[in-house]
Amino acid sequence: MASLSNEYSEKEVIYMRILSLTKDNKGMQEEAARLLLTGFANSWNEWGECLEEVEESLQEDRISRVAVDENGKVIGWIGGVSNYGGNVWDLHPLVVHKDYQGQGIGKALVADFKSCVREKGGRTIFLGTDDEDNGTTLFGEDLYPNVLGNLQQIKNRNQHPFAFYEKVGFSVVGVLPDANGFGKPDIFMAKRVAAK
């Protein structure tokens, strides 16, 4: 997910609706791909890769939803794929256009995704949120040998998305040290969506 705005509480909430991204709507697919290109510059920096990621999200075993404004412009996109026999859904990606961040769009997309996962019989949503740019106190650190002890001390430094996910009910459940190079971990988060 792209960085959250400092002014999220001061912005006006806008009109939007959430709908499924479909194979026949090439325009919306391209808009979602553009969101990846601008919102995840570290991960996706080629147009073809972004389009491929969007196209893969349209397979039957996946969820792909977009938030659109009153003019039908894609302002947010969330996707996910089923794992563990449908019990766990990997939320990937979540991105909101930078001009619309802090207005509840990401929160609404996560709530919608949660409903979709429940409808498909899923029990848990899982995600990884990389720290490649000093977003948390884990960045730049050698987390070994006390990985879990270091993880317990995690703090947000620079509006890292893990804080957003905590606000919408996710818990930090693990970390993969050095996933993106030394001192650049992937932080794992999960949320139960079905009753016990």
N, C-alpha and C. Protein backbone atom coordinates (compact mmCIF):
# COMPACT_ATOMS: atom_id res chain seq x y z
N MET A 1 0.83 -1.17 0.00
CA MET A 1 0.00 0.00 0.00
C MET A 1 0.87 1.23 0.00
N ALA A 2 0.42 2.26 -0.68
CA ALA A 2 1.16 3.51 -0.69
C ALA A 2 1.11 4.15 0.69
N SER A 3 2.03 5.06 0.97
CA SER A 3 2.10 5.71 2.27
C SER A 3 0.81 6.45 2.60
N LEU A 4 0.48 6.48 3.88
CA LEU A 4 -0.70 7.20 4.34
C LEU A 4 -0.37 8.68 4.54
N SER A 5 -1.34 9.51 4.36
CA SER A 5 -1.16 10.95 4.51
C SER A 5 -1.20 11.37 5.97
N ASN A 6 -0.42 12.39 6.33
CA ASN A 6 -0.48 12.96 7.68
C ASN A 6 -1.82 13.63 7.94
N GLU A 7 -2.49 14.08 6.89
CA GLU A 7 -3.68 14.89 7.04
C GLU A 7 -4.96 14.07 6.91
N TYR A 8 -4.87 12.76 7.15
CA TYR A 8 -6.03 11.90 6.87
C TYR A 8 -7.26 12.30 7.67
N SER A 9 -7.12 12.85 8.85
CA SER A 9 -8.29 13.20 9.65
C SER A 9 -8.90 14.53 9.21
N GLU A 10 -8.17 15.30 8.41
CA GLU A 10 -8.65 16.62 8.02
C GLU A 10 -9.29 16.63 6.63
N LYS A 11 -9.14 15.56 5.87
CA LYS A 11 -9.67 15.54 4.51
C LYS A 11 -11.14 15.20 4.50
N GLU A 12 -11.80 15.70 3.50
CA GLU A 12 -13.22 15.46 3.32
C GLU A 12 -13.43 14.07 2.73
N VAL A 13 -14.42 13.35 3.22
CA VAL A 13 -14.74 12.03 2.68
C VAL A 13 -15.44 12.23 1.34
N ILE A 14 -15.04 11.42 0.37
CA ILE A 14 -15.60 11.56 -0.97
C ILE A 14 -16.58 10.43 -1.27
N TYR A 15 -17.37 10.62 -2.32
CA TYR A 15 -18.25 9.57 -2.79
C TYR A 15 -17.42 8.51 -3.50
N MET A 16 -17.73 7.26 -3.23
CA MET A 16 -17.10 6.16 -3.95
C MET A 16 -17.99 4.94 -3.83
N ARG A 17 -17.75 3.99 -4.74
CA ARG A 17 -18.40 2.69 -4.64
C ARG A 17 -17.36 1.64 -4.96
N ILE A 18 -17.60 0.43 -4.47
CA ILE A 18 -16.66 -0.67 -4.66
C ILE A 18 -17.33 -1.73 -5.51
N LEU A 19 -16.60 -2.20 -6.51
CA LEU A 19 -17.14 -3.22 -7.39
C LEU A 19 -16.03 -4.17 -7.85
N SER A 20 -16.45 -5.29 -8.41
CA SER A 20 -15.48 -6.27 -8.89
C SER A 20 -14.80 -5.78 -10.15
N LEU A 21 -13.51 -5.99 -10.23
CA LEU A 21 -12.76 -5.73 -11.44
C LEU A 21 -12.98 -6.93 -12.35
N THR A 22 -13.35 -6.70 -13.59
CA THR A 22 -13.70 -7.80 -14.49
C THR A 22 -12.81 -7.82 -15.73
N LYS A 23 -12.77 -8.99 -16.37
CA LYS A 23 -11.93 -9.17 -17.56
C LYS A 23 -12.35 -8.28 -18.72
N ASP A 24 -13.62 -7.93 -18.79
CA ASP A 24 -14.10 -7.16 -19.93
C ASP A 24 -13.90 -5.65 -19.78
N ASN A 25 -13.46 -5.20 -18.62
CA ASN A 25 -13.27 -3.76 -18.43
C ASN A 25 -11.78 -3.42 -18.47
N LYS A 26 -11.26 -3.31 -19.68
CA LYS A 26 -9.83 -3.03 -19.89
C LYS A 26 -9.42 -1.66 -19.34
N GLY A 27 -10.32 -0.69 -19.44
CA GLY A 27 -10.01 0.64 -18.94
C GLY A 27 -9.73 0.64 -17.44
N MET A 28 -10.59 -0.03 -16.69
CA MET A 28 -10.38 -0.11 -15.23
C MET A 28 -9.13 -0.93 -14.91
N GLN A 29 -8.86 -1.96 -15.71
CA GLN A 29 -7.64 -2.74 -15.50
C GLN A 29 -6.41 -1.86 -15.64
N GLU A 30 -6.40 -1.02 -16.67
CA GLU A 30 -5.27 -0.12 -16.87
C GLU A 30 -5.16 0.91 -15.75
N GLU A 31 -6.29 1.39 -15.24
CA GLU A 31 -6.25 2.34 -14.12
C GLU A 31 -5.69 1.68 -12.87
N ALA A 32 -6.08 0.42 -12.62
CA ALA A 32 -5.54 -0.31 -11.46
C ALA A 32 -4.04 -0.52 -11.64
N ALA A 33 -3.61 -0.86 -12.84
CA ALA A 33 -2.19 -1.05 -13.11
C ALA A 33 -1.42 0.26 -12.88
N ARG A 34 -2.02 1.37 -13.27
CA ARG A 34 -1.38 2.68 -13.07
C ARG A 34 -1.21 2.96 -11.57
N LEU A 35 -2.20 2.55 -10.77
CA LEU A 35 -2.08 2.72 -9.32
C LEU A 35 -0.88 1.94 -8.78
N LEU A 36 -0.68 0.73 -9.29
CA LEU A 36 0.49 -0.07 -8.88
C LEU A 36 1.79 0.65 -9.25
N LEU A 37 1.83 1.14 -10.46
CA LEU A 37 3.04 1.77 -10.97
C LEU A 37 3.43 2.99 -10.13
N THR A 38 2.44 3.76 -9.70
CA THR A 38 2.74 4.96 -8.91
C THR A 38 2.79 4.69 -7.41
N GLY A 39 2.00 3.73 -6.93
CA GLY A 39 1.93 3.47 -5.50
C GLY A 39 2.96 2.49 -4.97
N PHE A 40 3.50 1.65 -5.85
CA PHE A 40 4.48 0.64 -5.46
C PHE A 40 5.71 0.72 -6.35
N ALA A 41 6.30 1.88 -6.44
CA ALA A 41 7.44 2.10 -7.34
C ALA A 41 8.60 1.16 -7.03
N ASN A 42 8.79 0.76 -5.77
CA ASN A 42 9.87 -0.17 -5.43
C ASN A 42 9.62 -1.57 -5.96
N SER A 43 8.35 -1.97 -6.03
CA SER A 43 8.01 -3.33 -6.42
C SER A 43 7.68 -3.47 -7.90
N TRP A 44 6.92 -2.53 -8.42
CA TRP A 44 6.51 -2.59 -9.83
C TRP A 44 6.94 -1.30 -10.50
N ASN A 45 7.92 -1.39 -11.38
CA ASN A 45 8.37 -0.19 -12.07
C ASN A 45 8.31 -0.33 -13.59
N GLU A 46 7.65 -1.39 -14.07
CA GLU A 46 7.46 -1.57 -15.50
C GLU A 46 5.97 -1.75 -15.78
N TRP A 47 5.49 -1.03 -16.77
CA TRP A 47 4.08 -1.05 -17.12
C TRP A 47 3.57 -2.46 -17.41
N GLY A 48 4.32 -3.24 -18.15
CA GLY A 48 3.91 -4.60 -18.50
C GLY A 48 3.71 -5.48 -17.27
N GLU A 49 4.60 -5.34 -16.29
CA GLU A 49 4.47 -6.10 -15.04
C GLU A 49 3.20 -5.71 -14.29
N CYS A 50 2.90 -4.43 -14.30
CA CYS A 50 1.70 -3.95 -13.61
C CYS A 50 0.44 -4.50 -14.26
N LEU A 51 0.39 -4.46 -15.57
CA LEU A 51 -0.76 -5.02 -16.28
C LEU A 51 -0.90 -6.52 -16.03
N GLU A 52 0.22 -7.22 -16.02
CA GLU A 52 0.21 -8.66 -15.76
C GLU A 52 -0.32 -8.96 -14.36
N GLU A 53 0.09 -8.17 -13.39
CA GLU A 53 -0.40 -8.36 -12.01
C GLU A 53 -1.91 -8.19 -11.94
N VAL A 54 -2.43 -7.17 -12.63
CA VAL A 54 -3.87 -6.94 -12.65
C VAL A 54 -4.58 -8.11 -13.34
N GLU A 55 -4.07 -8.54 -14.48
CA GLU A 55 -4.69 -9.64 -15.22
C GLU A 55 -4.71 -10.92 -14.39
N GLU A 56 -3.63 -11.20 -13.65
CA GLU A 56 -3.59 -12.39 -12.79
C GLU A 56 -4.65 -12.32 -11.70
N SER A 57 -4.98 -11.11 -11.26
CA SER A 57 -5.96 -10.95 -10.19
C SER A 57 -7.38 -11.31 -10.64
N LEU A 58 -7.58 -11.49 -11.92
CA LEU A 58 -8.92 -11.74 -12.46
C LEU A 58 -9.24 -13.23 -12.57
N GLN A 59 -8.34 -14.09 -12.13
CA GLN A 59 -8.60 -15.54 -12.17
C GLN A 59 -9.71 -15.89 -11.20
N GLU A 60 -10.36 -17.04 -11.45
CA GLU A 60 -11.54 -17.42 -10.66
C GLU A 60 -11.26 -17.64 -9.18
N ASP A 61 -10.06 -18.06 -8.82
CA ASP A 61 -9.74 -18.34 -7.42
C ASP A 61 -9.25 -17.10 -6.68
N ARG A 62 -9.54 -15.94 -7.22
CA ARG A 62 -9.05 -14.70 -6.64
C ARG A 62 -10.18 -13.71 -6.39
N ILE A 63 -9.84 -12.68 -5.64
CA ILE A 63 -10.74 -11.54 -5.41
C ILE A 63 -10.02 -10.33 -5.96
N SER A 64 -10.74 -9.53 -6.74
CA SER A 64 -10.16 -8.30 -7.29
C SER A 64 -11.26 -7.24 -7.30
N ARG A 65 -11.11 -6.23 -6.44
CA ARG A 65 -12.14 -5.21 -6.26
C ARG A 65 -11.52 -3.82 -6.41
N VAL A 66 -12.30 -2.91 -6.95
CA VAL A 66 -11.83 -1.54 -7.12
C VAL A 66 -12.80 -0.56 -6.47
N ALA A 67 -12.24 0.53 -5.98
CA ALA A 67 -13.05 1.66 -5.52
C ALA A 67 -13.04 2.67 -6.66
N VAL A 68 -14.21 3.16 -7.02
CA VAL A 68 -14.32 4.15 -8.09
C VAL A 68 -15.02 5.39 -7.55
N ASP A 69 -14.65 6.55 -8.10
CA ASP A 69 -15.28 7.80 -7.69
C ASP A 69 -16.58 8.01 -8.47
N GLU A 70 -17.19 9.17 -8.30
CA GLU A 70 -18.48 9.44 -8.93
C GLU A 70 -18.41 9.44 -10.46
N ASN A 71 -17.20 9.59 -11.01
CA ASN A 71 -17.03 9.57 -12.47
C ASN A 71 -16.60 8.20 -12.99
N GLY A 72 -16.50 7.22 -12.10
CA GLY A 72 -16.08 5.88 -12.51
C GLY A 72 -14.57 5.70 -12.59
N LYS A 73 -13.81 6.68 -12.11
CA LYS A 73 -12.34 6.59 -12.10
C LYS A 73 -11.90 5.68 -10.95
N VAL A 74 -10.98 4.77 -11.24
CA VAL A 74 -10.45 3.87 -10.21
C VAL A 74 -9.54 4.66 -9.28
N ILE A 75 -9.90 4.68 -8.00
CA ILE A 75 -9.10 5.41 -7.02
C ILE A 75 -8.49 4.49 -5.96
N GLY A 76 -8.83 3.20 -6.04
CA GLY A 76 -8.26 2.22 -5.13
C GLY A 76 -8.47 0.82 -5.67
N TRP A 77 -7.59 -0.07 -5.28
CA TRP A 77 -7.67 -1.46 -5.75
C TRP A 77 -7.19 -2.39 -4.65
N ILE A 78 -7.92 -3.49 -4.47
CA ILE A 78 -7.52 -4.53 -3.52
C ILE A 78 -7.68 -5.88 -4.20
N GLY A 79 -6.76 -6.77 -3.92
CA GLY A 79 -6.82 -8.10 -4.51
C GLY A 79 -6.42 -9.14 -3.49
N GLY A 80 -6.70 -10.39 -3.82
CA GLY A 80 -6.31 -11.47 -2.92
C GLY A 80 -6.42 -12.82 -3.59
N VAL A 81 -5.67 -13.76 -3.05
CA VAL A 81 -5.64 -15.13 -3.57
C VAL A 81 -5.82 -16.11 -2.42
N SER A 82 -6.48 -17.20 -2.72
CA SER A 82 -6.80 -18.23 -1.73
C SER A 82 -5.60 -19.14 -1.49
N ASN A 83 -5.41 -19.51 -0.22
CA ASN A 83 -4.37 -20.46 0.20
C ASN A 83 -4.96 -21.42 1.24
N TYR A 84 -4.22 -22.45 1.56
CA TYR A 84 -4.61 -23.40 2.61
C TYR A 84 -6.04 -23.91 2.40
N GLY A 85 -6.32 -24.33 1.18
CA GLY A 85 -7.63 -24.90 0.88
C GLY A 85 -8.78 -23.93 1.05
N GLY A 86 -8.52 -22.65 0.90
CA GLY A 86 -9.57 -21.64 1.02
C GLY A 86 -9.72 -21.07 2.41
N ASN A 87 -9.00 -21.58 3.39
CA ASN A 87 -9.10 -21.07 4.76
C ASN A 87 -8.44 -19.71 4.93
N VAL A 88 -7.38 -19.46 4.17
CA VAL A 88 -6.60 -18.23 4.31
C VAL A 88 -6.56 -17.52 2.96
N TRP A 89 -6.76 -16.20 3.01
CA TRP A 89 -6.68 -15.37 1.82
C TRP A 89 -5.55 -14.39 1.98
N ASP A 90 -4.64 -14.38 1.03
CA ASP A 90 -3.51 -13.46 1.02
C ASP A 90 -3.96 -12.15 0.38
N LEU A 91 -4.02 -11.09 1.16
CA LEU A 91 -4.40 -9.77 0.67
C LEU A 91 -3.20 -9.18 -0.06
N HIS A 92 -3.39 -9.00 -1.38
CA HIS A 92 -2.27 -8.48 -2.19
C HIS A 92 -2.79 -8.10 -3.55
N PRO A 93 -2.68 -6.87 -3.93
CA PRO A 93 -2.20 -5.71 -3.20
C PRO A 93 -3.36 -4.89 -2.65
N LEU A 94 -3.02 -3.86 -1.93
CA LEU A 94 -3.96 -2.79 -1.56
C LEU A 94 -3.25 -1.49 -1.89
N VAL A 95 -3.89 -0.70 -2.74
CA VAL A 95 -3.29 0.57 -3.14
C VAL A 95 -4.41 1.59 -3.34
N VAL A 96 -4.17 2.79 -2.86
CA VAL A 96 -5.11 3.90 -3.01
C VAL A 96 -4.35 5.05 -3.68
N HIS A 97 -4.99 5.66 -4.65
CA HIS A 97 -4.39 6.81 -5.36
C HIS A 97 -3.94 7.84 -4.33
N LYS A 98 -2.76 8.39 -4.52
CA LYS A 98 -2.16 9.30 -3.53
C LYS A 98 -3.04 10.51 -3.23
N ASP A 99 -3.82 10.97 -4.19
CA ASP A 99 -4.68 12.13 -3.97
C ASP A 99 -5.92 11.80 -3.13
N TYR A 100 -6.18 10.52 -2.90
CA TYR A 100 -7.38 10.11 -2.19
C TYR A 100 -7.07 9.38 -0.88
N GLN A 101 -5.81 9.35 -0.50
CA GLN A 101 -5.44 8.66 0.74
C GLN A 101 -5.93 9.44 1.95
N GLY A 102 -6.19 8.70 3.03
CA GLY A 102 -6.64 9.32 4.26
C GLY A 102 -8.10 9.68 4.28
N GLN A 103 -8.88 9.16 3.33
CA GLN A 103 -10.30 9.48 3.25
C GLN A 103 -11.18 8.26 3.49
N GLY A 104 -10.59 7.18 4.00
CA GLY A 104 -11.37 5.99 4.33
C GLY A 104 -11.50 4.99 3.21
N ILE A 105 -10.86 5.24 2.09
CA ILE A 105 -10.98 4.33 0.95
C ILE A 105 -10.29 3.00 1.24
N GLY A 106 -9.08 3.05 1.76
CA GLY A 106 -8.37 1.81 2.11
C GLY A 106 -9.15 1.00 3.14
N LYS A 107 -9.67 1.67 4.14
CA LYS A 107 -10.46 1.00 5.18
C LYS A 107 -11.71 0.34 4.57
N ALA A 108 -12.39 1.06 3.66
CA ALA A 108 -13.58 0.50 3.01
C ALA A 108 -13.23 -0.69 2.13
N LEU A 109 -12.09 -0.61 1.43
CA LEU A 109 -11.67 -1.73 0.59
C LEU A 109 -11.35 -2.96 1.44
N VAL A 110 -10.70 -2.76 2.58
CA VAL A 110 -10.40 -3.89 3.46
C VAL A 110 -11.69 -4.50 4.01
N ALA A 111 -12.64 -3.68 4.42
CA ALA A 111 -13.92 -4.20 4.92
C ALA A 111 -14.65 -4.98 3.83
N ASP A 112 -14.64 -4.47 2.62
CA ASP A 112 -15.27 -5.16 1.50
C ASP A 112 -14.56 -6.49 1.22
N PHE A 113 -13.24 -6.47 1.23
CA PHE A 113 -12.45 -7.69 1.01
C PHE A 113 -12.78 -8.73 2.08
N LYS A 114 -12.88 -8.28 3.31
CA LYS A 114 -13.24 -9.17 4.42
C LYS A 114 -14.59 -9.85 4.15
N SER A 115 -15.56 -9.09 3.68
CA SER A 115 -16.88 -9.65 3.35
C SER A 115 -16.78 -10.67 2.23
N CYS A 116 -15.99 -10.36 1.21
CA CYS A 116 -15.80 -11.29 0.10
C CYS A 116 -15.15 -12.60 0.57
N VAL A 117 -14.15 -12.48 1.44
CA VAL A 117 -13.47 -13.67 1.97
C VAL A 117 -14.45 -14.52 2.77
N ARG A 118 -15.26 -13.88 3.60
CA ARG A 118 -16.27 -14.61 4.38
C ARG A 118 -17.24 -15.35 3.47
N GLU A 119 -17.71 -14.67 2.41
CA GLU A 119 -18.64 -15.30 1.47
C GLU A 119 -18.04 -16.54 0.81
N LYS A 120 -16.72 -16.55 0.65
CA LYS A 120 -16.05 -17.69 0.03
C LYS A 120 -15.63 -18.74 1.06
N GLY A 121 -16.04 -18.55 2.31
CA GLY A 121 -15.74 -19.52 3.35
C GLY A 121 -14.37 -19.38 3.99
N GLY A 122 -13.68 -18.27 3.72
CA GLY A 122 -12.36 -18.05 4.31
C GLY A 122 -12.45 -17.73 5.79
N ARG A 123 -11.38 -18.02 6.50
CA ARG A 123 -11.33 -17.79 7.94
C ARG A 123 -10.34 -16.70 8.36
N THR A 124 -9.31 -16.53 7.56
CA THR A 124 -8.24 -15.61 7.92
C THR A 124 -7.76 -14.84 6.70
N ILE A 125 -7.41 -13.58 6.91
CA ILE A 125 -6.74 -12.79 5.89
C ILE A 125 -5.30 -12.58 6.36
N PHE A 126 -4.38 -12.75 5.44
CA PHE A 126 -2.95 -12.67 5.71
C PHE A 126 -2.34 -11.67 4.73
N LEU A 127 -1.29 -10.96 5.16
CA LEU A 127 -0.58 -10.08 4.24
C LEU A 127 0.86 -9.88 4.71
N GLY A 128 1.69 -9.47 3.78
CA GLY A 128 3.05 -9.07 4.09
C GLY A 128 3.21 -7.61 3.72
N THR A 129 3.88 -6.86 4.57
CA THR A 129 4.11 -5.45 4.30
C THR A 129 5.59 -5.14 4.52
N ASP A 130 6.28 -4.96 3.42
CA ASP A 130 7.74 -4.79 3.44
C ASP A 130 8.15 -3.46 4.08
N ASP A 131 9.30 -3.49 4.72
CA ASP A 131 9.92 -2.24 5.18
C ASP A 131 11.24 -2.08 4.46
N GLU A 132 11.18 -1.36 3.34
CA GLU A 132 12.37 -1.12 2.53
C GLU A 132 12.88 0.30 2.63
N ASP A 133 12.19 1.14 3.44
CA ASP A 133 12.58 2.56 3.45
C ASP A 133 12.45 3.20 4.83
N ASN A 134 12.90 2.48 5.86
CA ASN A 134 12.97 3.04 7.21
C ASN A 134 11.60 3.38 7.78
N GLY A 135 10.59 2.56 7.47
CA GLY A 135 9.25 2.81 7.96
C GLY A 135 9.02 2.37 9.39
N THR A 136 9.82 1.41 9.86
CA THR A 136 9.66 0.89 11.23
C THR A 136 11.02 0.79 11.91
N THR A 137 10.97 0.49 13.19
CA THR A 137 12.21 0.32 13.96
C THR A 137 12.92 -0.98 13.59
N LEU A 138 12.33 -1.83 12.76
CA LEU A 138 13.00 -3.06 12.32
C LEU A 138 13.97 -2.79 11.17
N PHE A 139 13.75 -1.69 10.47
CA PHE A 139 14.58 -1.37 9.30
C PHE A 139 16.03 -1.16 9.71
N GLY A 140 16.94 -1.74 8.94
CA GLY A 140 18.37 -1.55 9.17
C GLY A 140 18.94 -2.35 10.31
N GLU A 141 18.10 -3.14 10.96
CA GLU A 141 18.55 -3.90 12.13
C GLU A 141 18.84 -5.35 11.77
N ASP A 142 19.77 -5.95 12.51
CA ASP A 142 20.02 -7.38 12.41
C ASP A 142 19.08 -8.03 13.42
N LEU A 143 18.01 -8.62 12.95
CA LEU A 143 16.97 -9.16 13.83
C LEU A 143 17.34 -10.50 14.46
N TYR A 144 18.39 -11.14 13.93
CA TYR A 144 18.82 -12.43 14.49
C TYR A 144 19.70 -12.20 15.71
N PRO A 145 19.79 -13.09 16.67
CA PRO A 145 19.07 -14.36 16.76
C PRO A 145 17.71 -14.24 17.46
N ASN A 146 17.41 -13.08 18.03
CA ASN A 146 16.18 -12.91 18.80
C ASN A 146 15.10 -12.25 17.94
N VAL A 147 14.71 -12.91 16.87
CA VAL A 147 13.79 -12.33 15.89
C VAL A 147 12.47 -11.94 16.55
N LEU A 148 11.87 -12.83 17.30
CA LEU A 148 10.56 -12.53 17.90
C LEU A 148 10.66 -11.45 18.97
N GLY A 149 11.74 -11.43 19.71
CA GLY A 149 11.95 -10.37 20.70
C GLY A 149 12.06 -9.01 20.03
N ASN A 150 12.79 -8.95 18.93
CA ASN A 150 12.89 -7.69 18.17
C ASN A 150 11.56 -7.29 17.58
N LEU A 151 10.81 -8.29 17.11
CA LEU A 151 9.50 -7.99 16.52
C LEU A 151 8.55 -7.39 17.56
N GLN A 152 8.64 -7.85 18.79
CA GLN A 152 7.76 -7.32 19.85
C GLN A 152 8.01 -5.84 20.11
N GLN A 153 9.15 -5.34 19.74
CA GLN A 153 9.51 -3.94 19.98
C GLN A 153 9.19 -3.03 18.78
N ILE A 154 8.53 -3.55 17.77
CA ILE A 154 8.29 -2.78 16.55
C ILE A 154 7.53 -1.49 16.83
N LYS A 155 7.99 -0.43 16.18
CA LYS A 155 7.33 0.88 16.25
C LYS A 155 7.31 1.48 14.85
N ASN A 156 6.32 2.30 14.61
CA ASN A 156 6.19 2.97 13.33
C ASN A 156 7.06 4.22 13.34
N ARG A 157 7.87 4.40 12.29
CA ARG A 157 8.71 5.59 12.19
C ARG A 157 8.17 6.59 11.17
N ASN A 158 7.83 6.10 10.00
CA ASN A 158 7.52 6.98 8.87
C ASN A 158 6.25 6.54 8.15
N GLN A 159 5.16 6.48 8.86
CA GLN A 159 3.86 6.15 8.27
C GLN A 159 3.90 4.82 7.52
N HIS A 160 4.52 3.82 8.11
CA HIS A 160 4.56 2.49 7.49
C HIS A 160 3.15 1.90 7.49
N PRO A 161 2.78 1.20 6.44
CA PRO A 161 1.42 0.64 6.34
C PRO A 161 1.02 -0.31 7.46
N PHE A 162 1.98 -0.89 8.20
CA PHE A 162 1.57 -1.81 9.25
C PHE A 162 0.68 -1.11 10.28
N ALA A 163 0.88 0.19 10.49
CA ALA A 163 0.04 0.94 11.43
C ALA A 163 -1.40 1.04 10.91
N PHE A 164 -1.56 1.27 9.62
CA PHE A 164 -2.89 1.28 9.01
C PHE A 164 -3.57 -0.08 9.22
N TYR A 165 -2.85 -1.14 8.93
CA TYR A 165 -3.45 -2.48 9.07
C TYR A 165 -3.82 -2.78 10.52
N GLU A 166 -3.02 -2.33 11.46
CA GLU A 166 -3.40 -2.50 12.87
C GLU A 166 -4.71 -1.77 13.17
N LYS A 167 -4.88 -0.58 12.62
CA LYS A 167 -6.11 0.20 12.85
C LYS A 167 -7.34 -0.49 12.30
N VAL A 168 -7.17 -1.31 11.26
CA VAL A 168 -8.32 -2.02 10.69
C VAL A 168 -8.40 -3.46 11.18
N GLY A 169 -7.72 -3.76 12.29
CA GLY A 169 -7.92 -5.03 12.97
C GLY A 169 -6.91 -6.13 12.75
N PHE A 170 -5.85 -5.86 12.02
CA PHE A 170 -4.83 -6.89 11.79
C PHE A 170 -3.84 -6.91 12.95
N SER A 171 -3.26 -8.07 13.17
CA SER A 171 -2.20 -8.23 14.17
C SER A 171 -0.91 -8.62 13.48
N VAL A 172 0.21 -8.13 14.01
CA VAL A 172 1.51 -8.57 13.52
C VAL A 172 1.70 -10.01 14.00
N VAL A 173 1.97 -10.92 13.05
CA VAL A 173 2.10 -12.34 13.40
C VAL A 173 3.47 -12.90 13.08
N GLY A 174 4.34 -12.09 12.48
CA GLY A 174 5.67 -12.59 12.18
C GLY A 174 6.47 -11.60 11.35
N VAL A 175 7.71 -11.99 11.09
CA VAL A 175 8.59 -11.15 10.27
C VAL A 175 9.59 -12.07 9.58
N LEU A 176 9.93 -11.73 8.36
CA LEU A 176 10.99 -12.42 7.64
C LEU A 176 12.15 -11.44 7.51
N PRO A 177 13.18 -11.60 8.37
CA PRO A 177 14.31 -10.67 8.33
C PRO A 177 15.00 -10.71 6.96
N ASP A 178 15.50 -9.57 6.54
CA ASP A 178 16.33 -9.46 5.34
C ASP A 178 15.63 -9.94 4.07
N ALA A 179 14.30 -9.94 4.04
CA ALA A 179 13.57 -10.44 2.87
C ALA A 179 13.88 -9.64 1.62
N ASN A 180 14.17 -8.36 1.78
CA ASN A 180 14.43 -7.47 0.64
C ASN A 180 15.85 -6.93 0.64
N GLY A 181 16.75 -7.63 1.35
CA GLY A 181 18.13 -7.20 1.53
C GLY A 181 18.38 -7.01 3.02
N PHE A 182 19.64 -6.90 3.40
CA PHE A 182 19.95 -6.78 4.83
C PHE A 182 19.20 -5.61 5.45
N GLY A 183 18.54 -5.90 6.57
CA GLY A 183 17.83 -4.86 7.32
C GLY A 183 16.54 -4.40 6.68
N LYS A 184 16.05 -5.15 5.69
CA LYS A 184 14.80 -4.79 5.00
C LYS A 184 13.82 -5.96 5.11
N PRO A 185 13.10 -6.02 6.24
CA PRO A 185 12.24 -7.18 6.51
C PRO A 185 10.87 -7.10 5.84
N ASP A 186 10.21 -8.23 5.79
CA ASP A 186 8.80 -8.30 5.41
C ASP A 186 8.04 -8.61 6.70
N ILE A 187 7.09 -7.76 7.03
CA ILE A 187 6.31 -7.89 8.26
C ILE A 187 5.00 -8.58 7.91
N PHE A 188 4.70 -9.68 8.60
CA PHE A 188 3.50 -10.46 8.32
C PHE A 188 2.38 -10.08 9.29
N MET A 189 1.19 -9.94 8.74
CA MET A 189 0.03 -9.56 9.55
C MET A 189 -1.15 -10.46 9.17
N ALA A 190 -2.07 -10.65 10.10
CA ALA A 190 -3.23 -11.49 9.83
C ALA A 190 -4.42 -11.00 10.65
N LYS A 191 -5.59 -11.43 10.18
CA LYS A 191 -6.84 -11.06 10.85
C LYS A 191 -7.83 -12.19 10.64
N ARG A 192 -8.47 -12.63 11.72
CA ARG A 192 -9.53 -13.63 11.63
C ARG A 192 -10.80 -12.95 11.13
N VAL A 193 -11.49 -13.58 10.18
CA VAL A 193 -12.71 -13.00 9.64
C VAL A 193 -13.93 -13.89 9.86
N ALA A 194 -13.72 -15.11 10.31
CA ALA A 194 -14.84 -16.03 10.55
C ALA A 194 -14.93 -16.33 12.04
N ALA A 195 -16.14 -16.61 12.49
CA ALA A 195 -16.32 -16.97 13.90
C ALA A 195 -15.61 -18.28 14.20
N LYS A 196 -15.19 -18.45 15.45
CA LYS A 196 -14.52 -19.69 15.86
C LYS A 196 -15.44 -20.87 15.71
